[in-house]
Structure formats: C-alpha cells, structure tokens
C-alpha cells in the first residue's frame, strides 16, 4: 500500500527540506562484491544469476526503514512492500520493464520472476506495481563495468542498482554494483548499511 506522509513527522524531515528541491539530489555509491557463493548456489541449483541477485537485493533492503520511503513531486510517500524492477529484452527487439514483488520465500519470488518477465518480454508491455516501493535494477552484462550512473535529475527517485558482467579469478568471483539513491530518502550511512547487508545476504546463501 502507498500513502503520503508528512516529512516533518519522519526521521527524514531535515534531509527532505535540504534535498527535495536540489537540482542534483541523487547520490551514487559503488562497491565491489564477492559473489562467489552466489555463483556456487546458482550452479548447484540451476538458477539464473540475475534472478538470485535480485532476490538478494530485496532481502537486504527488507529491514531498512528508509527503503520504504519515496520522495516525489515535492511529497514523501511510504510503502509497506517492496518490488524489484527488472529490464528484459522483448519480442520486438527492444526492452521492457516489469516489477517483481519481493517475497522472503525465494521459491515464490522465482515463480513470480519467471511468469512476469516472460509476460513482459512476450507482450512487449510494461508491468508496474504502483502499490510497492520499487528498487530499480539494470544488468548490462555485455561487458565488465566499474560503475553505472543513471539519471541525476530527480525524475526517477527510486533506489537504483546496476552492474555489468562479473569477474572470475582463480578462487573468487567479484562484481562491482552501483547504488544510486535520492538524498531525501536516505543518507550515505543508510546506503552503506544496505551494501554491507547485501554482501552478508550473498554470503549466507545456502
């Protein structure tokens, strides 16, 4: 569910006043992750790397309150659920986007991911969840990338995570991930906590 809240009644009151009208309100952090365990779990269970990574993104965000807040059009909105936005290649040779509801149960998330991405790709349609807080993603796996920066103009204010192709060495697989967020939504400390939580979520995969 989505509801408008009074920024002055939240922990983001000062930040909202400081950054809501900023012409460049977005912040980008980049962290190189050890995704060795993620690759092992995918290989062992026949899973798609990006699908499991998207689930990890939601799992790491689940317990951080700031991820449920969205500054938009001079207002602050609060959500009670999360979804992961995924970009897919469509049947017309272009791209389409769809929102996958996050679920603690990976099997349910996987079923939703497969069904929604297939429908989106086949029908060449956007599938949006207006009642969930969206974590944007972009996987540019055609090459190895150090960083991706999205729009910086405050039009798309949701947290946005992007990555390229992972890198293999003898004993480790690594992946730089860029995280962009609106400063009215969270501070660097919240984002750092999230990135640490994401690494721990990956490490804990069974």
C-alpha atoms as a PDB file:
ATOM      1  CA  UNK A   1       0.000   0.000   0.000  1.00  0.00           C
ATOM      2  CA  UNK A   2       1.146   3.555  -0.792  1.00  0.00           C
ATOM      3  CA  UNK A   3       0.330   6.545   1.415  1.00  0.00           C
ATOM      4  CA  UNK A   4       1.501  10.136   1.617  1.00  0.00           C
ATOM      5  CA  UNK A   5       3.190  11.046   4.906  1.00  0.00           C
ATOM      6  CA  UNK A   6       4.226  14.323   6.496  1.00  0.00           C
ATOM      7  CA  UNK A   7       8.031  14.555   6.141  1.00  0.00           C
ATOM      8  CA  UNK A   8       8.208  16.521   9.406  1.00  0.00           C
ATOM      9  CA  UNK A   9       6.812  13.508  11.243  1.00  0.00           C
ATOM     10  CA  UNK A  10       9.559  11.194   9.949  1.00  0.00           C
ATOM     11  CA  UNK A  11      13.279  10.826  10.529  1.00  0.00           C
ATOM     12  CA  UNK A  12      13.845  12.425   7.092  1.00  0.00           C
ATOM     13  CA  UNK A  13      12.463  15.875   7.980  1.00  0.00           C
ATOM     14  CA  UNK A  14      15.768  17.769   7.755  1.00  0.00           C
ATOM     15  CA  UNK A  15      17.004  15.843   4.725  1.00  0.00           C
ATOM     16  CA  UNK A  16      13.698  16.393   2.927  1.00  0.00           C
ATOM     17  CA  UNK A  17      13.979  20.165   3.394  1.00  0.00           C
ATOM     18  CA  UNK A  18      17.621  20.144   2.313  1.00  0.00           C
ATOM     19  CA  UNK A  19      17.445  17.912  -0.753  1.00  0.00           C
ATOM     20  CA  UNK A  20      13.920  17.799  -2.139  1.00  0.00           C
ATOM     21  CA  UNK A  21      14.422  20.905  -4.281  1.00  0.00           C
ATOM     22  CA  UNK A  22      18.040  20.231  -5.160  1.00  0.00           C
ATOM     23  CA  UNK A  23      18.687  20.150  -8.940  1.00  0.00           C
ATOM     24  CA  UNK A  24      21.063  17.219  -8.379  1.00  0.00           C
ATOM     25  CA  UNK A  25      19.606  15.227  -5.459  1.00  0.00           C
ATOM     26  CA  UNK A  26      20.953  11.788  -6.347  1.00  0.00           C
ATOM     27  CA  UNK A  27      23.952  10.076  -4.748  1.00  0.00           C
ATOM     28  CA  UNK A  28      25.864   7.108  -6.187  1.00  0.00           C
ATOM     29  CA  UNK A  29      27.960   4.619  -4.222  1.00  0.00           C
ATOM     30  CA  UNK A  30      29.906   1.756  -5.804  1.00  0.00           C
ATOM     31  CA  UNK A  31      31.003  -1.403  -4.007  1.00  0.00           C
ATOM     32  CA  UNK A  32      32.770  -4.477  -5.377  1.00  0.00           C
ATOM     33  CA  UNK A  33      31.014  -7.577  -4.059  1.00  0.00           C
ATOM     34  CA  UNK A  34      32.327 -11.076  -3.580  1.00  0.00           C
ATOM     35  CA  UNK A  35      29.664 -13.099  -5.416  1.00  0.00           C
ATOM     36  CA  UNK A  36      31.484 -16.429  -5.251  1.00  0.00           C
ATOM     37  CA  UNK A  37      28.808 -18.012  -3.059  1.00  0.00           C
ATOM     38  CA  UNK A  38      26.032 -16.660  -5.269  1.00  0.00           C
ATOM     39  CA  UNK A  39      27.645 -18.264  -8.326  1.00  0.00           C
ATOM     40  CA  UNK A  40      28.061 -21.573  -6.497  1.00  0.00           C
ATOM     41  CA  UNK A  41      24.416 -21.657  -5.418  1.00  0.00           C
ATOM     42  CA  UNK A  42      23.256 -20.792  -8.947  1.00  0.00           C
ATOM     43  CA  UNK A  43      25.399 -23.516 -10.496  1.00  0.00           C
ATOM     44  CA  UNK A  44      24.362 -26.127  -7.926  1.00  0.00           C
ATOM     45  CA  UNK A  45      20.639 -25.399  -8.326  1.00  0.00           C
ATOM     46  CA  UNK A  46      20.432 -24.412 -11.992  1.00  0.00           C
ATOM     47  CA  UNK A  47      19.395 -20.833 -11.164  1.00  0.00           C
ATOM     48  CA  UNK A  48      19.825 -17.633 -13.138  1.00  0.00           C
ATOM     49  CA  UNK A  49      22.451 -15.365 -11.596  1.00  0.00           C
ATOM     50  CA  UNK A  50      20.442 -12.149 -12.007  1.00  0.00           C
ATOM     51  CA  UNK A  51      17.287 -13.697 -10.566  1.00  0.00           C
ATOM     52  CA  UNK A  52      19.000 -14.747  -7.357  1.00  0.00           C
ATOM     53  CA  UNK A  53      20.867 -11.445  -7.134  1.00  0.00           C
ATOM     54  CA  UNK A  54      17.570  -9.545  -7.456  1.00  0.00           C
ATOM     55  CA  UNK A  55      16.143 -11.588  -4.582  1.00  0.00           C
ATOM     56  CA  UNK A  56      19.231 -10.728  -2.512  1.00  0.00           C
ATOM     57  CA  UNK A  57      18.693  -7.031  -3.241  1.00  0.00           C
ATOM     58  CA  UNK A  58      15.190  -7.238  -1.805  1.00  0.00           C
ATOM     59  CA  UNK A  59      16.245  -9.356   1.165  1.00  0.00           C
ATOM     60  CA  UNK A  60      18.935  -6.862   2.152  1.00  0.00           C
ATOM     61  CA  UNK A  61      16.507  -3.914   1.876  1.00  0.00           C
ATOM     62  CA  UNK A  62      13.639  -5.596   3.718  1.00  0.00           C
ATOM     63  CA  UNK A  63      14.590  -4.475   7.237  1.00  0.00           C
ATOM     64  CA  UNK A  64      15.816  -0.951   6.433  1.00  0.00           C
ATOM     65  CA  UNK A  65      13.002   1.559   7.009  1.00  0.00           C
ATOM     66  CA  UNK A  66      14.352   4.164   4.574  1.00  0.00           C
ATOM     67  CA  UNK A  67      13.825   1.815   1.640  1.00  0.00           C
ATOM     68  CA  UNK A  68      10.072   2.135   2.112  1.00  0.00           C
ATOM     69  CA  UNK A  69      10.116   5.937   1.622  1.00  0.00           C
ATOM     70  CA  UNK A  70       9.897   7.697  -1.742  1.00  0.00           C
ATOM     71  CA  UNK A  71      10.345  11.456  -2.264  1.00  0.00           C
ATOM     72  CA  UNK A  72       8.441  12.512  -5.378  1.00  0.00           C
ATOM     73  CA  UNK A  73       6.887  15.726  -6.739  1.00  0.00           C
ATOM     74  CA  UNK A  74       7.569  17.612  -3.519  1.00  0.00           C
ATOM     75  CA  UNK A  75       5.877  14.958  -1.377  1.00  0.00           C
ATOM     76  CA  UNK A  76       7.008  11.971   0.673  1.00  0.00           C
ATOM     77  CA  UNK A  77       5.317   8.588   0.295  1.00  0.00           C
ATOM     78  CA  UNK A  78       5.554   5.484   2.447  1.00  0.00           C
ATOM     79  CA  UNK A  79       5.039   1.910   1.240  1.00  0.00           C
ATOM     80  CA  UNK A  80       4.533  -1.359   3.099  1.00  0.00           C
ATOM     81  CA  UNK A  81       6.018  -3.690   0.472  1.00  0.00           C
ATOM     82  CA  UNK A  82       8.943  -3.910  -1.931  1.00  0.00           C
ATOM     83  CA  UNK A  83       9.284  -4.927  -5.569  1.00  0.00           C
ATOM     84  CA  UNK A  84      12.285  -5.284  -7.863  1.00  0.00           C
ATOM     85  CA  UNK A  85      12.157  -3.617 -11.272  1.00  0.00           C
ATOM     86  CA  UNK A  86      13.773  -5.738 -13.996  1.00  0.00           C
ATOM     87  CA  UNK A  87      14.623  -4.765 -17.579  1.00  0.00           C
ATOM     88  CA  UNK A  88      14.040  -7.523 -20.160  1.00  0.00           C
ATOM     89  CA  UNK A  89      14.644  -7.907 -23.882  1.00  0.00           C
ATOM     90  CA  UNK A  90      11.280  -8.009 -25.639  1.00  0.00           C
ATOM     91  CA  UNK A  91       9.962  -9.789 -28.715  1.00  0.00           C
ATOM     92  CA  UNK A  92      10.216  -6.651 -30.850  1.00  0.00           C
ATOM     93  CA  UNK A  93      13.950  -6.321 -30.305  1.00  0.00           C
ATOM     94  CA  UNK A  94      13.650  -3.545 -27.748  1.00  0.00           C
ATOM     95  CA  UNK A  95      13.430  -3.572 -23.960  1.00  0.00           C
ATOM     96  CA  UNK A  96      10.549  -3.514 -21.484  1.00  0.00           C
ATOM     97  CA  UNK A  97      10.436  -3.225 -17.711  1.00  0.00           C
ATOM     98  CA  UNK A  98       8.473  -5.117 -15.086  1.00  0.00           C
ATOM     99  CA  UNK A  99       8.135  -5.111 -11.303  1.00  0.00           C
ATOM    100  CA  UNK A 100       8.645  -8.375  -9.407  1.00  0.00           C
ATOM    101  CA  UNK A 101       7.111  -8.413  -5.892  1.00  0.00           C
ATOM    102  CA  UNK A 102       9.717  -9.242  -3.263  1.00  0.00           C
ATOM    103  CA  UNK A 103       8.957 -12.306  -1.161  1.00  0.00           C
ATOM    104  CA  UNK A 104      11.043 -13.815   1.654  1.00  0.00           C
ATOM    105  CA  UNK A 105      10.257 -17.187   0.104  1.00  0.00           C
ATOM    106  CA  UNK A 106      12.713 -17.417  -2.786  1.00  0.00           C
ATOM    107  CA  UNK A 107      10.688 -20.149  -4.492  1.00  0.00           C
ATOM    108  CA  UNK A 108       7.648 -17.853  -4.699  1.00  0.00           C
ATOM    109  CA  UNK A 109       9.840 -14.955  -5.841  1.00  0.00           C
ATOM    110  CA  UNK A 110      11.315 -17.222  -8.518  1.00  0.00           C
ATOM    111  CA  UNK A 111       7.884 -18.242  -9.816  1.00  0.00           C
ATOM    112  CA  UNK A 112       6.764 -14.616  -9.953  1.00  0.00           C
ATOM    113  CA  UNK A 113      10.024 -13.585 -11.624  1.00  0.00           C
ATOM    114  CA  UNK A 114       9.682 -16.208 -14.358  1.00  0.00           C
ATOM    115  CA  UNK A 115       5.995 -15.539 -15.023  1.00  0.00           C
ATOM    116  CA  UNK A 116       6.193 -11.749 -15.041  1.00  0.00           C
ATOM    117  CA  UNK A 117       9.398 -11.432 -17.070  1.00  0.00           C
ATOM    118  CA  UNK A 118       8.039 -13.907 -19.657  1.00  0.00           C
ATOM    119  CA  UNK A 119       4.772 -11.978 -19.991  1.00  0.00           C
ATOM    120  CA  UNK A 120       6.609  -8.670 -20.201  1.00  0.00           C
ATOM    121  CA  UNK A 121       9.043  -9.952 -22.828  1.00  0.00           C
ATOM    122  CA  UNK A 122       6.409 -11.718 -24.940  1.00  0.00           C
ATOM    123  CA  UNK A 123       3.778  -8.967 -24.887  1.00  0.00           C
ATOM    124  CA  UNK A 124       6.275  -6.086 -25.054  1.00  0.00           C
ATOM    125  CA  UNK A 125       4.428  -4.355 -22.226  1.00  0.00           C
ATOM    126  CA  UNK A 126       5.412  -2.545 -19.064  1.00  0.00           C
ATOM    127  CA  UNK A 127       4.214  -4.270 -15.894  1.00  0.00           C
ATOM    128  CA  UNK A 128       4.213  -1.847 -12.948  1.00  0.00           C
ATOM    129  CA  UNK A 129       3.295  -2.315  -9.299  1.00  0.00           C
ATOM    130  CA  UNK A 130       2.050   1.107  -8.172  1.00  0.00           C
ATOM    131  CA  UNK A 131       1.468  -0.037  -4.582  1.00  0.00           C
ATOM    132  CA  UNK A 132       5.011  -1.266  -3.853  1.00  0.00           C
ATOM    133  CA  UNK A 133       8.257   0.591  -3.300  1.00  0.00           C
ATOM    134  CA  UNK A 134      10.400  -0.176  -6.331  1.00  0.00           C
ATOM    135  CA  UNK A 135      14.104  -0.999  -6.329  1.00  0.00           C
ATOM    136  CA  UNK A 136      15.299  -0.347  -9.862  1.00  0.00           C
ATOM    137  CA  UNK A 137      17.906  -2.605 -11.452  1.00  0.00           C
ATOM    138  CA  UNK A 138      19.857  -2.802 -14.675  1.00  0.00           C
ATOM    139  CA  UNK A 139      22.148  -5.670 -15.677  1.00  0.00           C
ATOM    140  CA  UNK A 140      24.463  -4.630 -18.520  1.00  0.00           C
ATOM    141  CA  UNK A 141      26.194  -7.982 -18.868  1.00  0.00           C
ATOM    142  CA  UNK A 142      27.677  -7.433 -22.311  1.00  0.00           C
ATOM    143  CA  UNK A 143      30.907  -6.218 -20.737  1.00  0.00           C
ATOM    144  CA  UNK A 144      32.680  -5.739 -17.404  1.00  0.00           C
ATOM    145  CA  UNK A 145      31.879  -2.362 -15.839  1.00  0.00           C
ATOM    146  CA  UNK A 146      33.339  -0.491 -12.905  1.00  0.00           C
ATOM    147  CA  UNK A 147      30.361   1.836 -12.397  1.00  0.00           C
ATOM    148  CA  UNK A 148      26.985   2.792 -13.853  1.00  0.00           C
ATOM    149  CA  UNK A 149      25.369   6.185 -13.229  1.00  0.00           C
ATOM    150  CA  UNK A 150      21.691   6.655 -14.064  1.00  0.00           C
ATOM    151  CA  UNK A 151      19.685   9.900 -14.468  1.00  0.00           C
ATOM    152  CA  UNK A 152      20.782  12.504 -11.932  1.00  0.00           C
ATOM    153  CA  UNK A 153      17.898  14.918 -12.355  1.00  0.00           C
ATOM    154  CA  UNK A 154      15.430  13.625  -9.781  1.00  0.00           C
ATOM    155  CA  UNK A 155      12.859  12.361 -12.306  1.00  0.00           C
ATOM    156  CA  UNK A 156      13.320   8.725 -11.258  1.00  0.00           C
ATOM    157  CA  UNK A 157      13.823   8.896  -7.483  1.00  0.00           C
ATOM    158  CA  UNK A 158      13.712   5.215  -6.536  1.00  0.00           C
ATOM    159  CA  UNK A 159      16.888   3.443  -5.414  1.00  0.00           C
ATOM    160  CA  UNK A 160      18.614   2.077  -8.489  1.00  0.00           C
ATOM    161  CA  UNK A 161      21.212  -0.708  -8.581  1.00  0.00           C
ATOM    162  CA  UNK A 162      23.175  -1.633 -11.679  1.00  0.00           C
ATOM    163  CA  UNK A 163      26.007  -3.946 -12.644  1.00  0.00           C
ATOM    164  CA  UNK A 164      27.886  -5.400 -15.600  1.00  0.00           C
ATOM    165  CA  UNK A 165      29.491  -8.805 -16.135  1.00  0.00           C
ATOM    166  CA  UNK A 166      31.023 -10.481 -13.089  1.00  0.00           C
ATOM    167  CA  UNK A 167      34.762 -11.140 -12.950  1.00  0.00           C
ATOM    168  CA  UNK A 168      36.331 -14.505 -12.341  1.00  0.00           C
ATOM    169  CA  UNK A 169      39.726 -15.099 -10.751  1.00  0.00           C
ATOM    170  CA  UNK A 170      41.285 -18.326  -9.512  1.00  0.00           C
ATOM    171  CA  UNK A 171      39.404 -18.504  -6.214  1.00  0.00           C
ATOM    172  CA  UNK A 172      36.907 -15.642  -6.260  1.00  0.00           C
ATOM    173  CA  UNK A 173      34.151 -14.117  -8.377  1.00  0.00           C
ATOM    174  CA  UNK A 174      33.604 -10.373  -7.945  1.00  0.00           C
ATOM    175  CA  UNK A 175      31.018  -7.889  -9.185  1.00  0.00           C
ATOM    176  CA  UNK A 176      31.016  -4.076  -8.839  1.00  0.00           C
ATOM    177  CA  UNK A 177      27.489  -2.812  -8.140  1.00  0.00           C
ATOM    178  CA  UNK A 178      26.460   0.844  -8.377  1.00  0.00           C
ATOM    179  CA  UNK A 179      23.764   2.047  -5.999  1.00  0.00           C
ATOM    180  CA  UNK A 180      22.019   5.358  -6.680  1.00  0.00           C
ATOM    181  CA  UNK A 181      19.556   6.920  -4.239  1.00  0.00           C
ATOM    182  CA  UNK A 182      17.773  10.202  -3.523  1.00  0.00           C
ATOM    183  CA  UNK A 183      19.378  12.060  -0.625  1.00  0.00           C
ATOM    184  CA  UNK A 184      15.971  12.995   0.785  1.00  0.00           C
ATOM    185  CA  UNK A 185      15.216   9.283   1.139  1.00  0.00           C
ATOM    186  CA  UNK A 186      18.377   8.199   2.912  1.00  0.00           C
ATOM    187  CA  UNK A 187      21.893   9.234   3.862  1.00  0.00           C
ATOM    188  CA  UNK A 188      25.203   7.632   2.990  1.00  0.00           C
ATOM    189  CA  UNK A 189      25.176   5.736   6.269  1.00  0.00           C
ATOM    190  CA  UNK A 190      21.900   4.030   5.420  1.00  0.00           C
ATOM    191  CA  UNK A 191      23.203   3.124   1.959  1.00  0.00           C
ATOM    192  CA  UNK A 192      26.437   1.759   3.443  1.00  0.00           C
ATOM    193  CA  UNK A 193      24.435  -0.353   5.885  1.00  0.00           C
ATOM    194  CA  UNK A 194      22.427  -1.688   2.951  1.00  0.00           C
ATOM    195  CA  UNK A 195      25.518  -2.589   0.930  1.00  0.00           C
ATOM    196  CA  UNK A 196      27.004  -4.405   3.922  1.00  0.00           C
ATOM    197  CA  UNK A 197      23.719  -6.241   4.418  1.00  0.00           C
ATOM    198  CA  UNK A 198      23.686  -7.211   0.733  1.00  0.00           C
ATOM    199  CA  UNK A 199      27.148  -8.726   0.987  1.00  0.00           C
ATOM    200  CA  UNK A 200      26.129 -10.660   4.103  1.00  0.00           C
ATOM    201  CA  UNK A 201      22.943 -11.875   2.377  1.00  0.00           C
ATOM    202  CA  UNK A 202      25.043 -13.201  -0.504  1.00  0.00           C
ATOM    203  CA  UNK A 203      27.488 -14.855   1.881  1.00  0.00           C
ATOM    204  CA  UNK A 204      24.650 -16.587   3.739  1.00  0.00           C
ATOM    205  CA  UNK A 205      23.081 -18.195   0.672  1.00  0.00           C
ATOM    206  CA  UNK A 206      22.705 -21.962   1.005  1.00  0.00           C
END
